[in-house]
Amino acid sequence: MDAFAFIEKGQVKEKHPVYVLAGTERFLKRQALGLLKQALLKDVDADLACAVYAGDTVSFAQVRDDLDALPFLAPLRWVHIQDADSFVTQHRSKLERYVEQPSRHNVLILDVKTWTSTTKLAKKVPDAATLQCKAPATGPLTQWLIRWTHQQYQKKLDPAAANLLVELIGAEMGLLDQEAAKLSVYVGEQKTITMQDIDQLVGHSRMETAWVMLDALAAGQGAKALETLHHLLRQGEEPIALLGAMGWQLRRLAQVARLRQLGVDLGSALAKVGLPPFKRDQAAQTLQRLGRHIFQVYELLLATDLNLKSSDQLSPAALLERLVVKLALFAAPAAPAAAGRA
């Protein structure tokens, strides 16, 4: 079951002896755990009922002892195995037998990054108890962010502002929640969070620095673009947020290029995609330098985004370096043709 849909429903219809939280979206896992605890433990102090273990150090015997123990001052015992991938791999056959004859009272939570649905163990755990924790697609994510900001912080976030925030931060629900909280404090008594607020608090420095990188690429200064990237990473900027700022601008430049192909003048094209008039010269220079390669940025940005969120062997910093290097190659002037023989 999709954890996002599970949380949106806001209720737990029945108790299962085993739950699986699968995926890498920690925010969704925390929300799902909170909902389960509220439904299963009710008003009981969680410290009296919960045992939490690290999957790479706990033994199956220890887990089984907890699961077989009778609850004390609580309706059930809650045994939570964090980072349980190695635990599942090591004790798969024992877990299969346990799922067939689980404790009548207690609940086992397996928190894993990957969960293959075709395994015997996965087939024994009901779909309703297998929560896939990954961020939703951009459209539903934007709608969630609007609702979440209103519910949690009593602020209205208009759709355009929500789209901008998702583009700048990326599909990281925990980071989006943090930014929504900061923006709510930033706007004070103001009831609505606008695009201007997001630009000032979240995007301004990143967007301006992203323009510095693009300007360097447009001028054929790939080394300067890499130096700027390294400086931002050393300052602690999140790679996914940097990608969001670069992606926001590159996608709009690609939209400008498409409009120019349709005969729209540059000023009108910039206004249509949301780029300010004072970026006219910078945009024109970048588009001229990238040429036909501008339409490859969609695929390039998507690949970088997917690799940042996967178990790619390259580090986030290396993935962004690779993106900047490829853009630098796109912007490099064509080599002169070899002279013919005299």
C-alpha atoms as a PDB file:
ATOM      1  CA  MET A   1       0.000   0.000   0.000  1.00  0.00           C
ATOM      2  CA  ASP A   2       1.197   3.484  -0.758  1.00  0.00           C
ATOM      3  CA  ALA A   3       2.167   5.157   2.533  1.00  0.00           C
ATOM      4  CA  PHE A   4       1.092   8.553   1.208  1.00  0.00           C
ATOM      5  CA  ALA A   5      -2.455   7.240   0.647  1.00  0.00           C
ATOM      6  CA  PHE A   6      -2.363   5.464   4.026  1.00  0.00           C
ATOM      7  CA  ILE A   7      -1.521   8.711   5.827  1.00  0.00           C
ATOM      8  CA  GLU A   8      -4.038  10.734   3.825  1.00  0.00           C
ATOM      9  CA  LYS A   9      -6.812   8.375   5.020  1.00  0.00           C
ATOM     10  CA  GLY A  10      -5.772   9.100   8.592  1.00  0.00           C
ATOM     11  CA  GLN A  11      -7.085   5.879  10.104  1.00  0.00           C
ATOM     12  CA  VAL A  12      -6.038   2.271  10.759  1.00  0.00           C
ATOM     13  CA  LYS A  13      -8.909  -0.142  10.126  1.00  0.00           C
ATOM     14  CA  GLU A  14      -7.282  -3.267  11.567  1.00  0.00           C
ATOM     15  CA  LYS A  15      -4.175  -4.360  13.418  1.00  0.00           C
ATOM     16  CA  HIS A  16      -1.623  -6.546  11.620  1.00  0.00           C
ATOM     17  CA  PRO A  17       1.055  -8.542  13.479  1.00  0.00           C
ATOM     18  CA  VAL A  18       3.780  -7.388  11.070  1.00  0.00           C
ATOM     19  CA  TYR A  19       4.189  -4.055   9.276  1.00  0.00           C
ATOM     20  CA  VAL A  20       6.793  -3.217   6.662  1.00  0.00           C
ATOM     21  CA  LEU A  21       7.890   0.362   6.003  1.00  0.00           C
ATOM     22  CA  ALA A  22       9.724   0.167   2.674  1.00  0.00           C
ATOM     23  CA  GLY A  23      11.533   2.990   0.908  1.00  0.00           C
ATOM     24  CA  THR A  24      13.799   5.949   1.595  1.00  0.00           C
ATOM     25  CA  GLU A  25      11.349   8.759   2.376  1.00  0.00           C
ATOM     26  CA  ARG A  26      11.987   9.191   6.112  1.00  0.00           C
ATOM     27  CA  PHE A  27       9.282  11.815   6.522  1.00  0.00           C
ATOM     28  CA  LEU A  28       6.587   9.424   5.304  1.00  0.00           C
ATOM     29  CA  LYS A  29       7.935   6.703   7.604  1.00  0.00           C
ATOM     30  CA  ARG A  30       7.717   9.009  10.610  1.00  0.00           C
ATOM     31  CA  GLN A  31       4.168  10.013   9.723  1.00  0.00           C
ATOM     32  CA  ALA A  32       3.093   6.395   9.155  1.00  0.00           C
ATOM     33  CA  LEU A  33       4.660   5.310  12.456  1.00  0.00           C
ATOM     34  CA  GLY A  34       2.906   8.140  14.267  1.00  0.00           C
ATOM     35  CA  LEU A  35      -0.457   7.122  12.831  1.00  0.00           C
ATOM     36  CA  LEU A  36       0.094   3.457  13.731  1.00  0.00           C
ATOM     37  CA  LYS A  37       1.156   4.305  17.277  1.00  0.00           C
ATOM     38  CA  GLN A  38      -1.841   6.545  17.786  1.00  0.00           C
ATOM     39  CA  ALA A  39      -4.207   3.819  16.535  1.00  0.00           C
ATOM     40  CA  LEU A  40      -2.613   0.793  18.207  1.00  0.00           C
ATOM     41  CA  LEU A  41      -1.210   2.201  21.447  1.00  0.00           C
ATOM     42  CA  LYS A  42      -3.870   4.848  21.947  1.00  0.00           C
ATOM     43  CA  ASP A  43      -2.963   6.973  25.005  1.00  0.00           C
ATOM     44  CA  VAL A  44      -0.324   4.627  26.416  1.00  0.00           C
ATOM     45  CA  ASP A  45       3.164   6.024  26.990  1.00  0.00           C
ATOM     46  CA  ALA A  46       5.218   4.695  24.066  1.00  0.00           C
ATOM     47  CA  ASP A  47       8.231   4.139  26.355  1.00  0.00           C
ATOM     48  CA  LEU A  48       6.251   1.450  28.181  1.00  0.00           C
ATOM     49  CA  ALA A  49       5.349  -0.426  25.012  1.00  0.00           C
ATOM     50  CA  CYS A  50       8.074   0.141  22.404  1.00  0.00           C
ATOM     51  CA  ALA A  51      11.366  -1.653  21.862  1.00  0.00           C
ATOM     52  CA  VAL A  52      13.546  -0.182  19.098  1.00  0.00           C
ATOM     53  CA  TYR A  53      16.590  -2.002  17.702  1.00  0.00           C
ATOM     54  CA  ALA A  54      19.219  -1.431  15.006  1.00  0.00           C
ATOM     55  CA  GLY A  55      18.883  -4.090  12.328  1.00  0.00           C
ATOM     56  CA  ASP A  56      22.614  -4.667  11.931  1.00  0.00           C
ATOM     57  CA  THR A  57      23.239  -5.504  15.608  1.00  0.00           C
ATOM     58  CA  VAL A  58      20.117  -7.107  17.098  1.00  0.00           C
ATOM     59  CA  SER A  59      19.720 -10.900  17.147  1.00  0.00           C
ATOM     60  CA  PHE A  60      16.579 -12.699  16.055  1.00  0.00           C
ATOM     61  CA  ALA A  61      16.394 -14.394  19.446  1.00  0.00           C
ATOM     62  CA  GLN A  62      16.218 -11.022  21.191  1.00  0.00           C
ATOM     63  CA  VAL A  63      13.486  -9.823  18.838  1.00  0.00           C
ATOM     64  CA  ARG A  64      11.537 -13.056  19.258  1.00  0.00           C
ATOM     65  CA  ASP A  65      11.727 -12.815  23.062  1.00  0.00           C
ATOM     66  CA  ASP A  66      10.188  -9.336  22.908  1.00  0.00           C
ATOM     67  CA  LEU A  67       7.472 -10.474  20.532  1.00  0.00           C
ATOM     68  CA  ASP A  68       6.588 -13.458  22.729  1.00  0.00           C
ATOM     69  CA  ALA A  69       6.427 -11.392  25.943  1.00  0.00           C
ATOM     70  CA  LEU A  70       3.013 -10.390  27.258  1.00  0.00           C
ATOM     71  CA  PRO A  71       2.242  -6.657  27.125  1.00  0.00           C
ATOM     72  CA  PHE A  72       2.692  -4.748  30.393  1.00  0.00           C
ATOM     73  CA  LEU A  73       0.543  -1.683  31.105  1.00  0.00           C
ATOM     74  CA  ALA A  74      -0.163  -1.442  27.375  1.00  0.00           C
ATOM     75  CA  PRO A  75      -2.483  -3.122  24.834  1.00  0.00           C
ATOM     76  CA  LEU A  76       0.535  -4.565  22.963  1.00  0.00           C
ATOM     77  CA  ARG A  77       4.305  -4.569  22.649  1.00  0.00           C
ATOM     78  CA  TRP A  78       5.748  -2.709  19.677  1.00  0.00           C
ATOM     79  CA  VAL A  79       9.055  -4.090  18.332  1.00  0.00           C
ATOM     80  CA  HIS A  80      10.627  -1.783  15.759  1.00  0.00           C
ATOM     81  CA  ILE A  81      13.695  -2.867  13.752  1.00  0.00           C
ATOM     82  CA  GLN A  82      15.347   0.168  12.147  1.00  0.00           C
ATOM     83  CA  ASP A  83      17.514  -0.187   9.020  1.00  0.00           C
ATOM     84  CA  ALA A  84      16.314  -3.766   8.858  1.00  0.00           C
ATOM     85  CA  ASP A  85      17.584  -4.736   5.398  1.00  0.00           C
ATOM     86  CA  SER A  86      20.483  -6.795   6.735  1.00  0.00           C
ATOM     87  CA  PHE A  87      18.271  -8.254   9.485  1.00  0.00           C
ATOM     88  CA  VAL A  88      15.737  -9.421   6.884  1.00  0.00           C
ATOM     89  CA  THR A  89      18.456 -10.897   4.666  1.00  0.00           C
ATOM     90  CA  GLN A  90      20.084 -12.769   7.536  1.00  0.00           C
ATOM     91  CA  HIS A  91      16.883 -14.095   9.124  1.00  0.00           C
ATOM     92  CA  ARG A  92      14.543 -14.415   6.149  1.00  0.00           C
ATOM     93  CA  SER A  93      13.506 -18.039   6.763  1.00  0.00           C
ATOM     94  CA  LYS A  94      12.872 -17.359  10.471  1.00  0.00           C
ATOM     95  CA  LEU A  95      10.794 -14.317   9.601  1.00  0.00           C
ATOM     96  CA  GLU A  96       8.773 -16.373   7.110  1.00  0.00           C
ATOM     97  CA  ARG A  97       7.937 -18.871   9.857  1.00  0.00           C
ATOM     98  CA  TYR A  98       7.114 -16.080  12.292  1.00  0.00           C
ATOM     99  CA  VAL A  99       4.707 -14.373   9.873  1.00  0.00           C
ATOM    100  CA  GLU A 100       2.877 -17.695   9.505  1.00  0.00           C
ATOM    101  CA  GLN A 101       2.402 -17.944  13.294  1.00  0.00           C
ATOM    102  CA  PRO A 102       2.873 -14.463  14.754  1.00  0.00           C
ATOM    103  CA  SER A 103       2.261 -13.194  18.262  1.00  0.00           C
ATOM    104  CA  ARG A 104      -1.411 -12.707  19.041  1.00  0.00           C
ATOM    105  CA  HIS A 105      -0.710  -9.557  21.036  1.00  0.00           C
ATOM    106  CA  ASN A 106       2.340  -7.773  19.709  1.00  0.00           C
ATOM    107  CA  VAL A 107       3.454  -5.982  16.550  1.00  0.00           C
ATOM    108  CA  LEU A 108       6.712  -6.213  14.587  1.00  0.00           C
ATOM    109  CA  ILE A 109       7.800  -3.224  12.468  1.00  0.00           C
ATOM    110  CA  LEU A 110      10.419  -3.854   9.763  1.00  0.00           C
ATOM    111  CA  ASP A 111      11.910  -0.577   8.487  1.00  0.00           C
ATOM    112  CA  VAL A 112      13.726  -1.339   5.210  1.00  0.00           C
ATOM    113  CA  LYS A 113      14.989   0.569   2.194  1.00  0.00           C
ATOM    114  CA  THR A 114      14.129  -2.176  -0.312  1.00  0.00           C
ATOM    115  CA  TRP A 115      11.368  -4.762  -0.256  1.00  0.00           C
ATOM    116  CA  THR A 116      10.964  -7.141  -3.193  1.00  0.00           C
ATOM    117  CA  SER A 117       7.311  -8.091  -3.579  1.00  0.00           C
ATOM    118  CA  THR A 118       8.070 -11.425  -5.270  1.00  0.00           C
ATOM    119  CA  THR A 119       9.832 -13.007  -2.274  1.00  0.00           C
ATOM    120  CA  LYS A 120       8.079 -15.568  -0.057  1.00  0.00           C
ATOM    121  CA  LEU A 121       8.336 -13.248   2.924  1.00  0.00           C
ATOM    122  CA  ALA A 122       6.808 -10.290   1.082  1.00  0.00           C
ATOM    123  CA  LYS A 123       3.916 -12.424  -0.158  1.00  0.00           C
ATOM    124  CA  LYS A 124       3.119 -13.491   3.409  1.00  0.00           C
ATOM    125  CA  VAL A 125       2.772  -9.875   4.622  1.00  0.00           C
ATOM    126  CA  PRO A 126      -0.612  -8.377   3.579  1.00  0.00           C
ATOM    127  CA  ASP A 127      -0.566  -5.464   1.165  1.00  0.00           C
ATOM    128  CA  ALA A 128      -2.381  -3.342   3.756  1.00  0.00           C
ATOM    129  CA  ALA A 129       0.558  -3.853   6.135  1.00  0.00           C
ATOM    130  CA  THR A 130       3.264  -3.149   3.530  1.00  0.00           C
ATOM    131  CA  LEU A 131       3.667   0.619   3.296  1.00  0.00           C
ATOM    132  CA  GLN A 132       5.704   1.883   0.349  1.00  0.00           C
ATOM    133  CA  CYS A 133       7.318   5.103   1.566  1.00  0.00           C
ATOM    134  CA  LYS A 134       8.251   7.238  -1.423  1.00  0.00           C
ATOM    135  CA  ALA A 135       7.324  10.794  -2.255  1.00  0.00           C
ATOM    136  CA  PRO A 136       4.373  11.166  -4.639  1.00  0.00           C
ATOM    137  CA  ALA A 137       4.636  12.629  -8.132  1.00  0.00           C
ATOM    138  CA  THR A 138       4.982  16.392  -8.487  1.00  0.00           C
ATOM    139  CA  GLY A 139       1.262  17.131  -8.886  1.00  0.00           C
ATOM    140  CA  PRO A 140       0.035  15.248  -5.782  1.00  0.00           C
ATOM    141  CA  LEU A 141       3.146  16.392  -3.889  1.00  0.00           C
ATOM    142  CA  THR A 142       2.305  20.045  -4.568  1.00  0.00           C
ATOM    143  CA  GLN A 143      -1.292  19.501  -3.441  1.00  0.00           C
ATOM    144  CA  TRP A 144      -0.038  17.764  -0.282  1.00  0.00           C
ATOM    145  CA  LEU A 145       2.311  20.664   0.464  1.00  0.00           C
ATOM    146  CA  ILE A 146      -0.561  23.149   0.178  1.00  0.00           C
ATOM    147  CA  ARG A 147      -2.745  21.092   2.556  1.00  0.00           C
ATOM    148  CA  TRP A 148       0.137  20.371   4.952  1.00  0.00           C
ATOM    149  CA  THR A 149       1.137  24.027   5.232  1.00  0.00           C
ATOM    150  CA  HIS A 150      -2.454  24.984   6.022  1.00  0.00           C
ATOM    151  CA  GLN A 151      -2.994  22.154   8.535  1.00  0.00           C
ATOM    152  CA  GLN A 152       0.319  22.419  10.344  1.00  0.00           C
ATOM    153  CA  TYR A 153       1.148  26.122  10.109  1.00  0.00           C
ATOM    154  CA  GLN A 154      -2.207  27.785   9.336  1.00  0.00           C
ATOM    155  CA  LYS A 155      -0.807  29.481   6.248  1.00  0.00           C
ATOM    156  CA  LYS A 156      -2.179  29.544   2.729  1.00  0.00           C
ATOM    157  CA  LEU A 157       0.283  28.496   0.020  1.00  0.00           C
ATOM    158  CA  ASP A 158      -0.915  29.322  -3.463  1.00  0.00           C
ATOM    159  CA  PRO A 159      -0.303  26.691  -6.189  1.00  0.00           C
ATOM    160  CA  ALA A 160       2.345  28.717  -8.049  1.00  0.00           C
ATOM    161  CA  ALA A 161       4.295  29.238  -4.828  1.00  0.00           C
ATOM    162  CA  ALA A 162       3.969  25.545  -3.927  1.00  0.00           C
ATOM    163  CA  ASN A 163       5.258  24.555  -7.383  1.00  0.00           C
ATOM    164  CA  LEU A 164       8.248  26.873  -6.990  1.00  0.00           C
ATOM    165  CA  LEU A 165       9.072  25.451  -3.561  1.00  0.00           C
ATOM    166  CA  VAL A 166       8.918  21.865  -4.864  1.00  0.00           C
ATOM    167  CA  GLU A 167      11.164  22.788  -7.791  1.00  0.00           C
ATOM    168  CA  LEU A 168      13.708  24.493  -5.542  1.00  0.00           C
ATOM    169  CA  ILE A 169      13.772  21.847  -2.811  1.00  0.00           C
ATOM    170  CA  GLY A 170      12.916  18.695  -4.755  1.00  0.00           C
ATOM    171  CA  ALA A 171      10.677  15.779  -3.795  1.00  0.00           C
ATOM    172  CA  GLU A 172      12.011  15.584  -0.241  1.00  0.00           C
ATOM    173  CA  MET A 173       9.004  15.806   2.041  1.00  0.00           C
ATOM    174  CA  GLY A 174      11.012  16.386   5.218  1.00  0.00           C
ATOM    175  CA  LEU A 175      12.899  19.294   3.655  1.00  0.00           C
ATOM    176  CA  LEU A 176       9.662  20.722   2.248  1.00  0.00           C
ATOM    177  CA  ASP A 177       8.139  20.599   5.729  1.00  0.00           C
ATOM    178  CA  GLN A 178      11.191  22.401   7.172  1.00  0.00           C
ATOM    179  CA  GLU A 179      10.975  25.148   4.559  1.00  0.00           C
ATOM    180  CA  ALA A 180       7.214  25.518   5.091  1.00  0.00           C
ATOM    181  CA  ALA A 181       7.851  25.942   8.824  1.00  0.00           C
ATOM    182  CA  LYS A 182      10.551  28.583   8.228  1.00  0.00           C
ATOM    183  CA  LEU A 183       8.372  30.437   5.730  1.00  0.00           C
ATOM    184  CA  SER A 184       5.458  30.464   8.183  1.00  0.00           C
ATOM    185  CA  VAL A 185       7.636  32.184  10.764  1.00  0.00           C
ATOM    186  CA  TYR A 186       9.131  34.507   8.136  1.00  0.00           C
ATOM    187  CA  VAL A 187       5.763  35.876   6.936  1.00  0.00           C
ATOM    188  CA  GLY A 188       4.556  36.505  10.501  1.00  0.00           C
ATOM    189  CA  GLU A 189       0.938  37.680  10.631  1.00  0.00           C
ATOM    190  CA  GLN A 190       0.644  37.462   6.851  1.00  0.00           C
ATOM    191  CA  LYS A 191      -1.867  34.720   6.012  1.00  0.00           C
ATOM    192  CA  THR A 192      -0.501  33.746   2.602  1.00  0.00           C
ATOM    193  CA  ILE A 193       2.981  32.591   1.591  1.00  0.00           C
ATOM    194  CA  THR A 194       3.739  34.029  -1.843  1.00  0.00           C
ATOM    195  CA  MET A 195       6.303  33.334  -4.556  1.00  0.00           C
ATOM    196  CA  GLN A 196       8.102  36.508  -3.481  1.00  0.00           C
ATOM    197  CA  ASP A 197       8.430  35.152   0.069  1.00  0.00           C
ATOM    198  CA  ILE A 198       9.889  31.891  -1.231  1.00  0.00           C
ATOM    199  CA  ASP A 199      12.255  33.742  -3.518  1.00  0.00           C
ATOM    200  CA  GLN A 200      13.532  35.924  -0.680  1.00  0.00           C
ATOM    201  CA  LEU A 201      13.888  33.257   2.007  1.00  0.00           C
ATOM    202  CA  VAL A 202      14.535  30.038   0.085  1.00  0.00           C
ATOM    203  CA  GLY A 203      15.455  30.693  -3.480  1.00  0.00           C
ATOM    204  CA  HIS A 204      17.200  34.048  -3.765  1.00  0.00           C
ATOM    205  CA  SER A 205      20.760  33.038  -2.889  1.00  0.00           C
ATOM    206  CA  ARG A 206      20.494  29.662  -4.598  1.00  0.00           C
ATOM    207  CA  MET A 207      18.885  31.117  -7.704  1.00  0.00           C
ATOM    208  CA  GLU A 208      21.432  33.906  -7.957  1.00  0.00           C
ATOM    209  CA  THR A 209      24.311  31.465  -7.500  1.00  0.00           C
ATOM    210  CA  ALA A 210      22.764  29.131 -10.067  1.00  0.00           C
ATOM    211  CA  TRP A 211      22.748  32.082 -12.477  1.00  0.00           C
ATOM    212  CA  VAL A 212      26.434  32.621 -11.672  1.00  0.00           C
ATOM    213  CA  MET A 213      27.112  29.028 -12.717  1.00  0.00           C
ATOM    214  CA  LEU A 214      25.029  29.375 -15.873  1.00  0.00           C
ATOM    215  CA  ASP A 215      26.721  32.678 -16.712  1.00  0.00           C
ATOM    216  CA  ALA A 216      30.110  31.017 -16.316  1.00  0.00           C
ATOM    217  CA  LEU A 217      29.016  28.181 -18.607  1.00  0.00           C
ATOM    218  CA  ALA A 218      27.660  30.670 -21.137  1.00  0.00           C
ATOM    219  CA  ALA A 219      31.044  32.427 -21.104  1.00  0.00           C
ATOM    220  CA  GLY A 220      32.841  29.129 -21.645  1.00  0.00           C
ATOM    221  CA  GLN A 221      34.212  29.144 -18.081  1.00  0.00           C
ATOM    222  CA  GLY A 222      33.459  25.609 -16.955  1.00  0.00           C
ATOM    223  CA  ALA A 223      36.133  25.745 -14.254  1.00  0.00           C
ATOM    224  CA  LYS A 224      34.465  28.754 -12.629  1.00  0.00           C
ATOM    225  CA  ALA A 225      31.098  26.964 -12.660  1.00  0.00           C
ATOM    226  CA  LEU A 226      32.647  23.954 -10.912  1.00  0.00           C
ATOM    227  CA  GLU A 227      34.396  26.210  -8.404  1.00  0.00           C
ATOM    228  CA  THR A 228      31.050  27.850  -7.554  1.00  0.00           C
ATOM    229  CA  LEU A 229      29.434  24.446  -7.110  1.00  0.00           C
ATOM    230  CA  HIS A 230      32.213  23.257  -4.797  1.00  0.00           C
ATOM    231  CA  HIS A 231      31.903  26.443  -2.730  1.00  0.00           C
ATOM    232  CA  LEU A 232      28.165  25.886  -2.249  1.00  0.00           C
ATOM    233  CA  LEU A 233      28.662  22.259  -1.221  1.00  0.00           C
ATOM    234  CA  ARG A 234      31.338  23.261   1.291  1.00  0.00           C
ATOM    235  CA  GLN A 235      28.889  25.778   2.745  1.00  0.00           C
ATOM    236  CA  GLY A 236      26.496  22.912   3.469  1.00  0.00           C
ATOM    237  CA  GLU A 237      23.946  23.429   0.702  1.00  0.00           C
ATOM    238  CA  GLU A 238      21.790  20.342   0.054  1.00  0.00           C
ATOM    239  CA  PRO A 239      22.601  18.804  -3.372  1.00  0.00           C
ATOM    240  CA  ILE A 240      18.915  18.205  -4.109  1.00  0.00           C
ATOM    241  CA  ALA A 241      18.163  21.871  -3.414  1.00  0.00           C
ATOM    242  CA  LEU A 242      21.009  23.017  -5.690  1.00  0.00           C
ATOM    243  CA  LEU A 243      19.682  20.750  -8.418  1.00  0.00           C
ATOM    244  CA  GLY A 244      16.246  22.295  -7.909  1.00  0.00           C
ATOM    245  CA  ALA A 245      17.575  25.831  -8.394  1.00  0.00           C
ATOM    246  CA  MET A 246      19.577  24.895 -11.497  1.00  0.00           C
ATOM    247  CA  GLY A 247      16.712  22.847 -12.887  1.00  0.00           C
ATOM    248  CA  TRP A 248      14.207  25.654 -12.411  1.00  0.00           C
ATOM    249  CA  GLN A 249      16.301  27.974 -14.565  1.00  0.00           C
ATOM    250  CA  LEU A 250      17.394  25.450 -17.181  1.00  0.00           C
ATOM    251  CA  ARG A 251      13.855  24.214 -17.792  1.00  0.00           C
ATOM    252  CA  ARG A 252      12.652  27.770 -18.266  1.00  0.00           C
ATOM    253  CA  LEU A 253      15.483  28.506 -20.662  1.00  0.00           C
ATOM    254  CA  ALA A 254      14.396  25.433 -22.636  1.00  0.00           C
ATOM    255  CA  GLN A 255      10.832  26.774 -22.666  1.00  0.00           C
ATOM    256  CA  VAL A 256      12.132  30.122 -23.924  1.00  0.00           C
ATOM    257  CA  ALA A 257      14.020  28.325 -26.710  1.00  0.00           C
ATOM    258  CA  ARG A 258      10.868  26.473 -27.727  1.00  0.00           C
ATOM    259  CA  LEU A 259       8.851  29.696 -27.794  1.00  0.00           C
ATOM    260  CA  ARG A 260      11.562  31.371 -29.878  1.00  0.00           C
ATOM    261  CA  GLN A 261      11.229  28.523 -32.401  1.00  0.00           C
ATOM    262  CA  LEU A 262       7.535  29.392 -32.614  1.00  0.00           C
ATOM    263  CA  GLY A 263       8.366  33.005 -33.439  1.00  0.00           C
ATOM    264  CA  VAL A 264       7.840  34.587 -30.010  1.00  0.00           C
ATOM    265  CA  ASP A 265      10.217  37.479 -29.341  1.00  0.00           C
ATOM    266  CA  LEU A 266      12.739  37.040 -26.519  1.00  0.00           C
ATOM    267  CA  GLY A 267      11.179  39.560 -24.108  1.00  0.00           C
ATOM    268  CA  SER A 268       7.721  38.016 -24.403  1.00  0.00           C
ATOM    269  CA  ALA A 269       9.134  34.506 -24.092  1.00  0.00           C
ATOM    270  CA  LEU A 270      11.002  35.435 -20.886  1.00  0.00           C
ATOM    271  CA  ALA A 271       7.840  36.945 -19.397  1.00  0.00           C
ATOM    272  CA  LYS A 272       5.738  33.924 -20.376  1.00  0.00           C
ATOM    273  CA  VAL A 273       7.975  31.444 -18.536  1.00  0.00           C
ATOM    274  CA  GLY A 274       8.460  33.637 -15.472  1.00  0.00           C
ATOM    275  CA  LEU A 275      11.991  34.966 -16.010  1.00  0.00           C
ATOM    276  CA  PRO A 276      12.527  38.677 -15.203  1.00  0.00           C
ATOM    277  CA  PRO A 277      13.311  41.157 -18.021  1.00  0.00           C
ATOM    278  CA  PHE A 278      16.732  42.006 -16.546  1.00  0.00           C
ATOM    279  CA  LYS A 279      17.811  38.421 -17.299  1.00  0.00           C
ATOM    280  CA  ARG A 280      17.329  39.052 -21.018  1.00  0.00           C
ATOM    281  CA  ASP A 281      21.020  39.387 -21.925  1.00  0.00           C
ATOM    282  CA  GLN A 282      22.081  36.491 -19.674  1.00  0.00           C
ATOM    283  CA  ALA A 283      19.358  34.236 -21.083  1.00  0.00           C
ATOM    284  CA  ALA A 284      20.204  35.133 -24.674  1.00  0.00           C
ATOM    285  CA  GLN A 285      23.900  34.432 -24.115  1.00  0.00           C
ATOM    286  CA  THR A 286      23.222  31.103 -22.379  1.00  0.00           C
ATOM    287  CA  LEU A 287      20.796  29.999 -25.089  1.00  0.00           C
ATOM    288  CA  GLN A 288      23.255  30.949 -27.816  1.00  0.00           C
ATOM    289  CA  ARG A 289      26.062  29.034 -26.120  1.00  0.00           C
ATOM    290  CA  LEU A 290      23.990  25.887 -25.438  1.00  0.00           C
ATOM    291  CA  GLY A 291      22.348  25.963 -28.851  1.00  0.00           C
ATOM    292  CA  ARG A 292      20.400  22.815 -29.742  1.00  0.00           C
ATOM    293  CA  HIS A 293      21.688  21.144 -26.552  1.00  0.00           C
ATOM    294  CA  ILE A 294      19.229  23.202 -24.497  1.00  0.00           C
ATOM    295  CA  PHE A 295      16.534  20.610 -25.253  1.00  0.00           C
ATOM    296  CA  GLN A 296      18.674  17.835 -23.726  1.00  0.00           C
ATOM    297  CA  VAL A 297      18.539  19.411 -20.275  1.00  0.00           C
ATOM    298  CA  TYR A 298      15.209  17.755 -19.441  1.00  0.00           C
ATOM    299  CA  GLU A 299      16.673  14.268 -19.775  1.00  0.00           C
ATOM    300  CA  LEU A 300      19.920  15.316 -18.079  1.00  0.00           C
ATOM    301  CA  LEU A 301      18.107  16.848 -15.074  1.00  0.00           C
ATOM    302  CA  LEU A 302      15.808  13.842 -14.735  1.00  0.00           C
ATOM    303  CA  ALA A 303      18.734  11.405 -14.764  1.00  0.00           C
ATOM    304  CA  THR A 304      20.594  13.446 -12.128  1.00  0.00           C
ATOM    305  CA  ASP A 305      17.501  13.672  -9.935  1.00  0.00           C
ATOM    306  CA  LEU A 306      16.862   9.908 -10.118  1.00  0.00           C
ATOM    307  CA  ASN A 307      20.500   9.112  -9.342  1.00  0.00           C
ATOM    308  CA  LEU A 308      20.497  11.485  -6.354  1.00  0.00           C
ATOM    309  CA  LYS A 309      17.565   9.553  -4.892  1.00  0.00           C
ATOM    310  CA  SER A 310      18.867   6.084  -5.688  1.00  0.00           C
ATOM    311  CA  SER A 311      21.786   3.957  -4.550  1.00  0.00           C
ATOM    312  CA  ASP A 312      23.992   5.306  -7.330  1.00  0.00           C
ATOM    313  CA  GLN A 313      27.659   4.603  -6.588  1.00  0.00           C
ATOM    314  CA  LEU A 314      28.572   8.243  -7.138  1.00  0.00           C
ATOM    315  CA  SER A 315      28.209  10.702  -4.264  1.00  0.00           C
ATOM    316  CA  PRO A 316      25.676  13.568  -4.541  1.00  0.00           C
ATOM    317  CA  ALA A 317      28.570  16.009  -5.023  1.00  0.00           C
ATOM    318  CA  ALA A 318      29.999  13.884  -7.849  1.00  0.00           C
ATOM    319  CA  LEU A 319      26.588  13.675  -9.531  1.00  0.00           C
ATOM    320  CA  LEU A 320      26.269  17.473  -9.528  1.00  0.00           C
ATOM    321  CA  GLU A 321      29.833  17.800 -10.802  1.00  0.00           C
ATOM    322  CA  ARG A 322      28.947  15.446 -13.646  1.00  0.00           C
ATOM    323  CA  LEU A 323      25.910  17.589 -14.471  1.00  0.00           C
ATOM    324  CA  VAL A 324      27.985  20.791 -14.566  1.00  0.00           C
ATOM    325  CA  VAL A 325      30.694  19.119 -16.665  1.00  0.00           C
ATOM    326  CA  LYS A 326      28.119  17.919 -19.216  1.00  0.00           C
ATOM    327  CA  LEU A 327      26.603  21.388 -19.405  1.00  0.00           C
ATOM    328  CA  ALA A 328      30.102  22.806 -19.881  1.00  0.00           C
ATOM    329  CA  LEU A 329      30.654  20.399 -22.759  1.00  0.00           C
ATOM    330  CA  PHE A 330      27.336  21.458 -24.284  1.00  0.00           C
ATOM    331  CA  ALA A 331      28.424  25.101 -24.023  1.00  0.00           C
ATOM    332  CA  ALA A 332      31.939  24.528 -25.367  1.00  0.00           C
ATOM    333  CA  PRO A 333      32.592  26.088 -28.797  1.00  0.00           C
ATOM    334  CA  ALA A 334      32.743  23.657 -31.676  1.00  0.00           C
ATOM    335  CA  ALA A 335      36.241  22.608 -32.678  1.00  0.00           C
ATOM    336  CA  PRO A 336      37.372  24.075 -35.992  1.00  0.00           C
ATOM    337  CA  ALA A 337      37.344  21.726 -38.935  1.00  0.00           C
ATOM    338  CA  ALA A 338      40.707  20.201 -39.849  1.00  0.00           C
ATOM    339  CA  ALA A 339      42.420  21.971 -42.704  1.00  0.00           C
ATOM    340  CA  GLY A 340      42.601  20.031 -45.948  1.00  0.00           C
ATOM    341  CA  ARG A 341      45.865  19.062 -47.589  1.00  0.00           C
ATOM    342  CA  ALA A 342      47.592  21.711 -49.575  1.00  0.00           C
END
